[in-house]
Amino acid sequence: MGLGGCIILIAVGAILTFATDWDMQGVNLDLVGVIFMIVGLIGVATFSSIARRRRVMVPPTTPVVDETAPHHRDGYGNGYGV
């Protein structure tokens, strides 16, 4: 189940718990709504931890140039012959 399914479970659970006043014989819809919300929250937590583990760090494609190193000019230190 993806992130969207978890969010839908949370929404349906909240609707069943807070927005309805239906009475069904043998079924407590408030409890069913709370269970849906808990399962949705567990799903969101699981999905986010798995997504965090799947993230891969890609090394930079451009080479890193060290600008602090002194420039050497084949023995010509005074600028002649460059």
N, C-alpha and C. Protein backbone atom coordinates (compact mmCIF):
# COMPACT_ATOMS: atom_id res chain seq x y z
N MET A 1 0.85 -1.16 0.00
CA MET A 1 0.00 0.00 0.00
C MET A 1 0.90 1.23 0.00
N GLY A 2 0.61 2.17 -0.88
CA GLY A 2 1.42 3.36 -0.98
C GLY A 2 0.98 4.45 -0.04
N LEU A 3 1.61 5.59 -0.20
CA LEU A 3 1.31 6.72 0.65
C LEU A 3 -0.12 7.21 0.44
N GLY A 4 -0.60 7.18 -0.78
CA GLY A 4 -1.97 7.60 -1.06
C GLY A 4 -3.00 6.73 -0.37
N GLY A 5 -2.78 5.43 -0.37
CA GLY A 5 -3.69 4.51 0.31
C GLY A 5 -3.73 4.75 1.81
N CYS A 6 -2.58 5.06 2.38
CA CYS A 6 -2.52 5.35 3.82
C CYS A 6 -3.28 6.62 4.16
N ILE A 7 -3.14 7.63 3.32
CA ILE A 7 -3.85 8.88 3.56
C ILE A 7 -5.36 8.68 3.40
N ILE A 8 -5.76 7.85 2.44
CA ILE A 8 -7.19 7.55 2.27
C ILE A 8 -7.72 6.82 3.50
N LEU A 9 -6.95 5.87 4.05
CA LEU A 9 -7.38 5.18 5.26
C LEU A 9 -7.58 6.16 6.42
N ILE A 10 -6.66 7.09 6.56
CA ILE A 10 -6.79 8.08 7.64
C ILE A 10 -8.04 8.93 7.43
N ALA A 11 -8.28 9.35 6.19
CA ALA A 11 -9.45 10.18 5.91
C ALA A 11 -10.75 9.43 6.15
N VAL A 12 -10.82 8.19 5.67
CA VAL A 12 -12.04 7.40 5.87
C VAL A 12 -12.27 7.15 7.36
N GLY A 13 -11.20 6.87 8.08
CA GLY A 13 -11.33 6.65 9.52
C GLY A 13 -11.81 7.89 10.25
N ALA A 14 -11.30 9.05 9.84
CA ALA A 14 -11.74 10.29 10.48
C ALA A 14 -13.21 10.58 10.16
N ILE A 15 -13.61 10.29 8.93
CA ILE A 15 -15.02 10.49 8.57
C ILE A 15 -15.92 9.57 9.37
N LEU A 16 -15.52 8.30 9.48
CA LEU A 16 -16.34 7.36 10.24
C LEU A 16 -16.41 7.74 11.71
N THR A 17 -15.33 8.25 12.25
CA THR A 17 -15.29 8.55 13.68
C THR A 17 -16.00 9.86 14.02
N PHE A 18 -15.71 10.90 13.25
CA PHE A 18 -16.14 12.24 13.66
C PHE A 18 -17.34 12.79 12.88
N ALA A 19 -17.59 12.30 11.68
CA ALA A 19 -18.61 12.95 10.84
C ALA A 19 -19.88 12.13 10.67
N THR A 20 -19.94 10.95 11.21
CA THR A 20 -21.16 10.15 11.05
C THR A 20 -21.76 9.84 12.41
N ASP A 21 -23.07 9.62 12.39
CA ASP A 21 -23.74 9.17 13.61
C ASP A 21 -24.63 7.97 13.30
N TRP A 22 -24.17 7.14 12.39
CA TRP A 22 -24.92 5.95 12.02
C TRP A 22 -24.84 4.92 13.14
N ASP A 23 -25.90 4.18 13.29
CA ASP A 23 -25.92 3.08 14.26
C ASP A 23 -26.14 1.78 13.51
N MET A 24 -25.16 0.90 13.59
CA MET A 24 -25.29 -0.42 12.98
C MET A 24 -25.27 -1.45 14.10
N GLN A 25 -26.13 -2.42 13.98
CA GLN A 25 -26.21 -3.43 15.02
C GLN A 25 -24.99 -4.35 14.93
N GLY A 26 -24.25 -4.44 16.00
CA GLY A 26 -23.09 -5.33 16.07
C GLY A 26 -21.79 -4.70 15.59
N VAL A 27 -21.83 -3.45 15.08
CA VAL A 27 -20.62 -2.80 14.58
C VAL A 27 -20.52 -1.41 15.21
N ASN A 28 -19.41 -1.14 15.82
CA ASN A 28 -19.15 0.19 16.38
C ASN A 28 -18.34 0.97 15.35
N LEU A 29 -19.00 1.88 14.62
CA LEU A 29 -18.32 2.60 13.54
C LEU A 29 -17.26 3.55 14.06
N ASP A 30 -17.42 4.05 15.28
CA ASP A 30 -16.37 4.90 15.86
C ASP A 30 -15.08 4.10 16.05
N LEU A 31 -15.20 2.89 16.53
CA LEU A 31 -14.02 2.04 16.72
C LEU A 31 -13.39 1.66 15.39
N VAL A 32 -14.23 1.35 14.40
CA VAL A 32 -13.71 1.02 13.07
C VAL A 32 -12.95 2.22 12.49
N GLY A 33 -13.47 3.42 12.69
CA GLY A 33 -12.78 4.62 12.22
C GLY A 33 -11.45 4.83 12.89
N VAL A 34 -11.40 4.61 14.19
CA VAL A 34 -10.14 4.76 14.93
C VAL A 34 -9.12 3.72 14.45
N ILE A 35 -9.58 2.52 14.21
CA ILE A 35 -8.68 1.47 13.71
C ILE A 35 -8.14 1.84 12.34
N PHE A 36 -9.00 2.36 11.45
CA PHE A 36 -8.53 2.81 10.13
C PHE A 36 -7.48 3.90 10.27
N MET A 37 -7.70 4.85 11.17
CA MET A 37 -6.72 5.94 11.34
C MET A 37 -5.39 5.41 11.87
N ILE A 38 -5.43 4.48 12.80
CA ILE A 38 -4.19 3.91 13.35
C ILE A 38 -3.43 3.14 12.29
N VAL A 39 -4.15 2.33 11.51
CA VAL A 39 -3.49 1.57 10.43
C VAL A 39 -2.91 2.52 9.40
N GLY A 40 -3.61 3.60 9.08
CA GLY A 40 -3.09 4.59 8.14
C GLY A 40 -1.83 5.27 8.66
N LEU A 41 -1.81 5.61 9.94
CA LEU A 41 -0.62 6.23 10.52
C LEU A 41 0.57 5.27 10.54
N ILE A 42 0.32 4.01 10.85
CA ILE A 42 1.39 3.01 10.81
C ILE A 42 1.91 2.87 9.38
N GLY A 43 1.01 2.88 8.42
CA GLY A 43 1.42 2.79 7.02
C GLY A 43 2.25 3.98 6.58
N VAL A 44 1.88 5.18 7.00
CA VAL A 44 2.65 6.37 6.64
C VAL A 44 4.05 6.30 7.26
N ALA A 45 4.13 5.87 8.52
CA ALA A 45 5.44 5.76 9.17
C ALA A 45 6.31 4.71 8.49
N THR A 46 5.71 3.58 8.13
CA THR A 46 6.47 2.52 7.45
C THR A 46 6.92 2.99 6.08
N PHE A 47 6.02 3.62 5.34
CA PHE A 47 6.36 4.09 4.00
C PHE A 47 7.49 5.12 4.05
N SER A 48 7.43 6.04 5.01
CA SER A 48 8.47 7.06 5.07
C SER A 48 9.82 6.48 5.47
N SER A 49 9.83 5.48 6.34
CA SER A 49 11.11 4.87 6.72
C SER A 49 11.70 4.07 5.57
N ILE A 50 10.86 3.39 4.80
CA ILE A 50 11.35 2.64 3.64
C ILE A 50 11.84 3.60 2.56
N ALA A 51 11.12 4.69 2.34
CA ALA A 51 11.53 5.66 1.33
C ALA A 51 12.84 6.33 1.72
N ARG A 52 13.07 6.55 3.02
CA ARG A 52 14.32 7.15 3.47
C ARG A 52 15.49 6.21 3.22
N ARG A 53 15.27 4.89 3.40
CA ARG A 53 16.34 3.92 3.19
C ARG A 53 16.65 3.75 1.71
N ARG A 54 15.66 3.93 0.84
CA ARG A 54 15.88 3.74 -0.59
C ARG A 54 16.63 4.89 -1.24
N ARG A 55 16.66 6.05 -0.59
CA ARG A 55 17.30 7.21 -1.17
C ARG A 55 18.80 6.96 -1.30
N VAL A 56 19.33 7.14 -2.48
CA VAL A 56 20.73 6.85 -2.76
C VAL A 56 21.45 8.17 -3.04
N MET A 57 22.59 8.34 -2.44
CA MET A 57 23.38 9.53 -2.69
C MET A 57 24.19 9.33 -3.97
N VAL A 58 24.00 10.21 -4.93
CA VAL A 58 24.69 10.14 -6.21
C VAL A 58 25.91 11.05 -6.12
N PRO A 59 27.08 10.52 -6.48
CA PRO A 59 28.27 11.37 -6.42
C PRO A 59 28.18 12.48 -7.47
N PRO A 60 28.82 13.61 -7.21
CA PRO A 60 28.75 14.71 -8.19
C PRO A 60 29.44 14.33 -9.48
N THR A 61 28.90 14.80 -10.59
CA THR A 61 29.47 14.46 -11.90
C THR A 61 30.59 15.41 -12.30
N THR A 62 30.62 16.60 -11.72
CA THR A 62 31.67 17.54 -12.06
C THR A 62 32.86 17.33 -11.13
N PRO A 63 34.07 17.40 -11.65
CA PRO A 63 35.24 17.20 -10.80
C PRO A 63 35.41 18.39 -9.84
N VAL A 64 35.94 18.10 -8.69
CA VAL A 64 36.20 19.13 -7.69
C VAL A 64 37.60 19.67 -7.92
N VAL A 65 37.70 20.98 -8.10
CA VAL A 65 38.99 21.63 -8.36
C VAL A 65 39.42 22.34 -7.10
N ASP A 66 40.63 22.05 -6.67
CA ASP A 66 41.17 22.68 -5.48
C ASP A 66 41.83 23.99 -5.88
N GLU A 67 41.21 25.10 -5.53
CA GLU A 67 41.73 26.42 -5.91
C GLU A 67 42.80 26.92 -4.95
N THR A 68 42.97 26.26 -3.82
CA THR A 68 43.95 26.75 -2.84
C THR A 68 45.35 26.26 -3.14
N ALA A 69 45.51 25.29 -4.01
CA ALA A 69 46.84 24.77 -4.32
C ALA A 69 47.63 25.79 -5.14
N PRO A 70 48.94 25.94 -4.86
CA PRO A 70 49.74 26.90 -5.64
C PRO A 70 49.91 26.41 -7.09
N HIS A 71 49.97 27.37 -8.00
CA HIS A 71 50.13 27.03 -9.41
C HIS A 71 51.62 26.91 -9.74
N HIS A 72 52.00 25.85 -10.40
CA HIS A 72 53.39 25.63 -10.80
C HIS A 72 53.47 25.84 -12.30
N ARG A 73 54.52 26.57 -12.73
CA ARG A 73 54.64 26.89 -14.16
C ARG A 73 55.96 26.38 -14.70
N ASP A 74 56.25 25.15 -14.48
CA ASP A 74 57.43 24.49 -15.04
C ASP A 74 58.73 25.24 -14.75
N GLY A 75 58.91 25.72 -13.55
CA GLY A 75 60.17 26.34 -13.18
C GLY A 75 60.24 27.84 -13.43
N TYR A 76 59.29 28.41 -14.13
CA TYR A 76 59.29 29.85 -14.37
C TYR A 76 58.48 30.54 -13.29
N GLY A 77 59.12 30.93 -12.24
CA GLY A 77 58.42 31.51 -11.10
C GLY A 77 58.14 33.01 -11.26
N ASN A 78 58.83 33.71 -12.19
CA ASN A 78 58.67 35.15 -12.26
C ASN A 78 57.68 35.57 -13.36
N GLY A 79 57.08 34.63 -14.04
CA GLY A 79 56.07 34.98 -15.04
C GLY A 79 56.60 35.00 -16.45
N TYR A 80 57.93 34.91 -16.67
CA TYR A 80 58.47 34.90 -18.03
C TYR A 80 58.37 33.51 -18.62
N GLY A 81 58.14 33.43 -19.89
CA GLY A 81 58.08 32.15 -20.56
C GLY A 81 56.72 31.47 -20.46
N VAL A 82 55.74 32.21 -20.07
CA VAL A 82 54.41 31.62 -19.93
C VAL A 82 53.69 31.68 -21.23
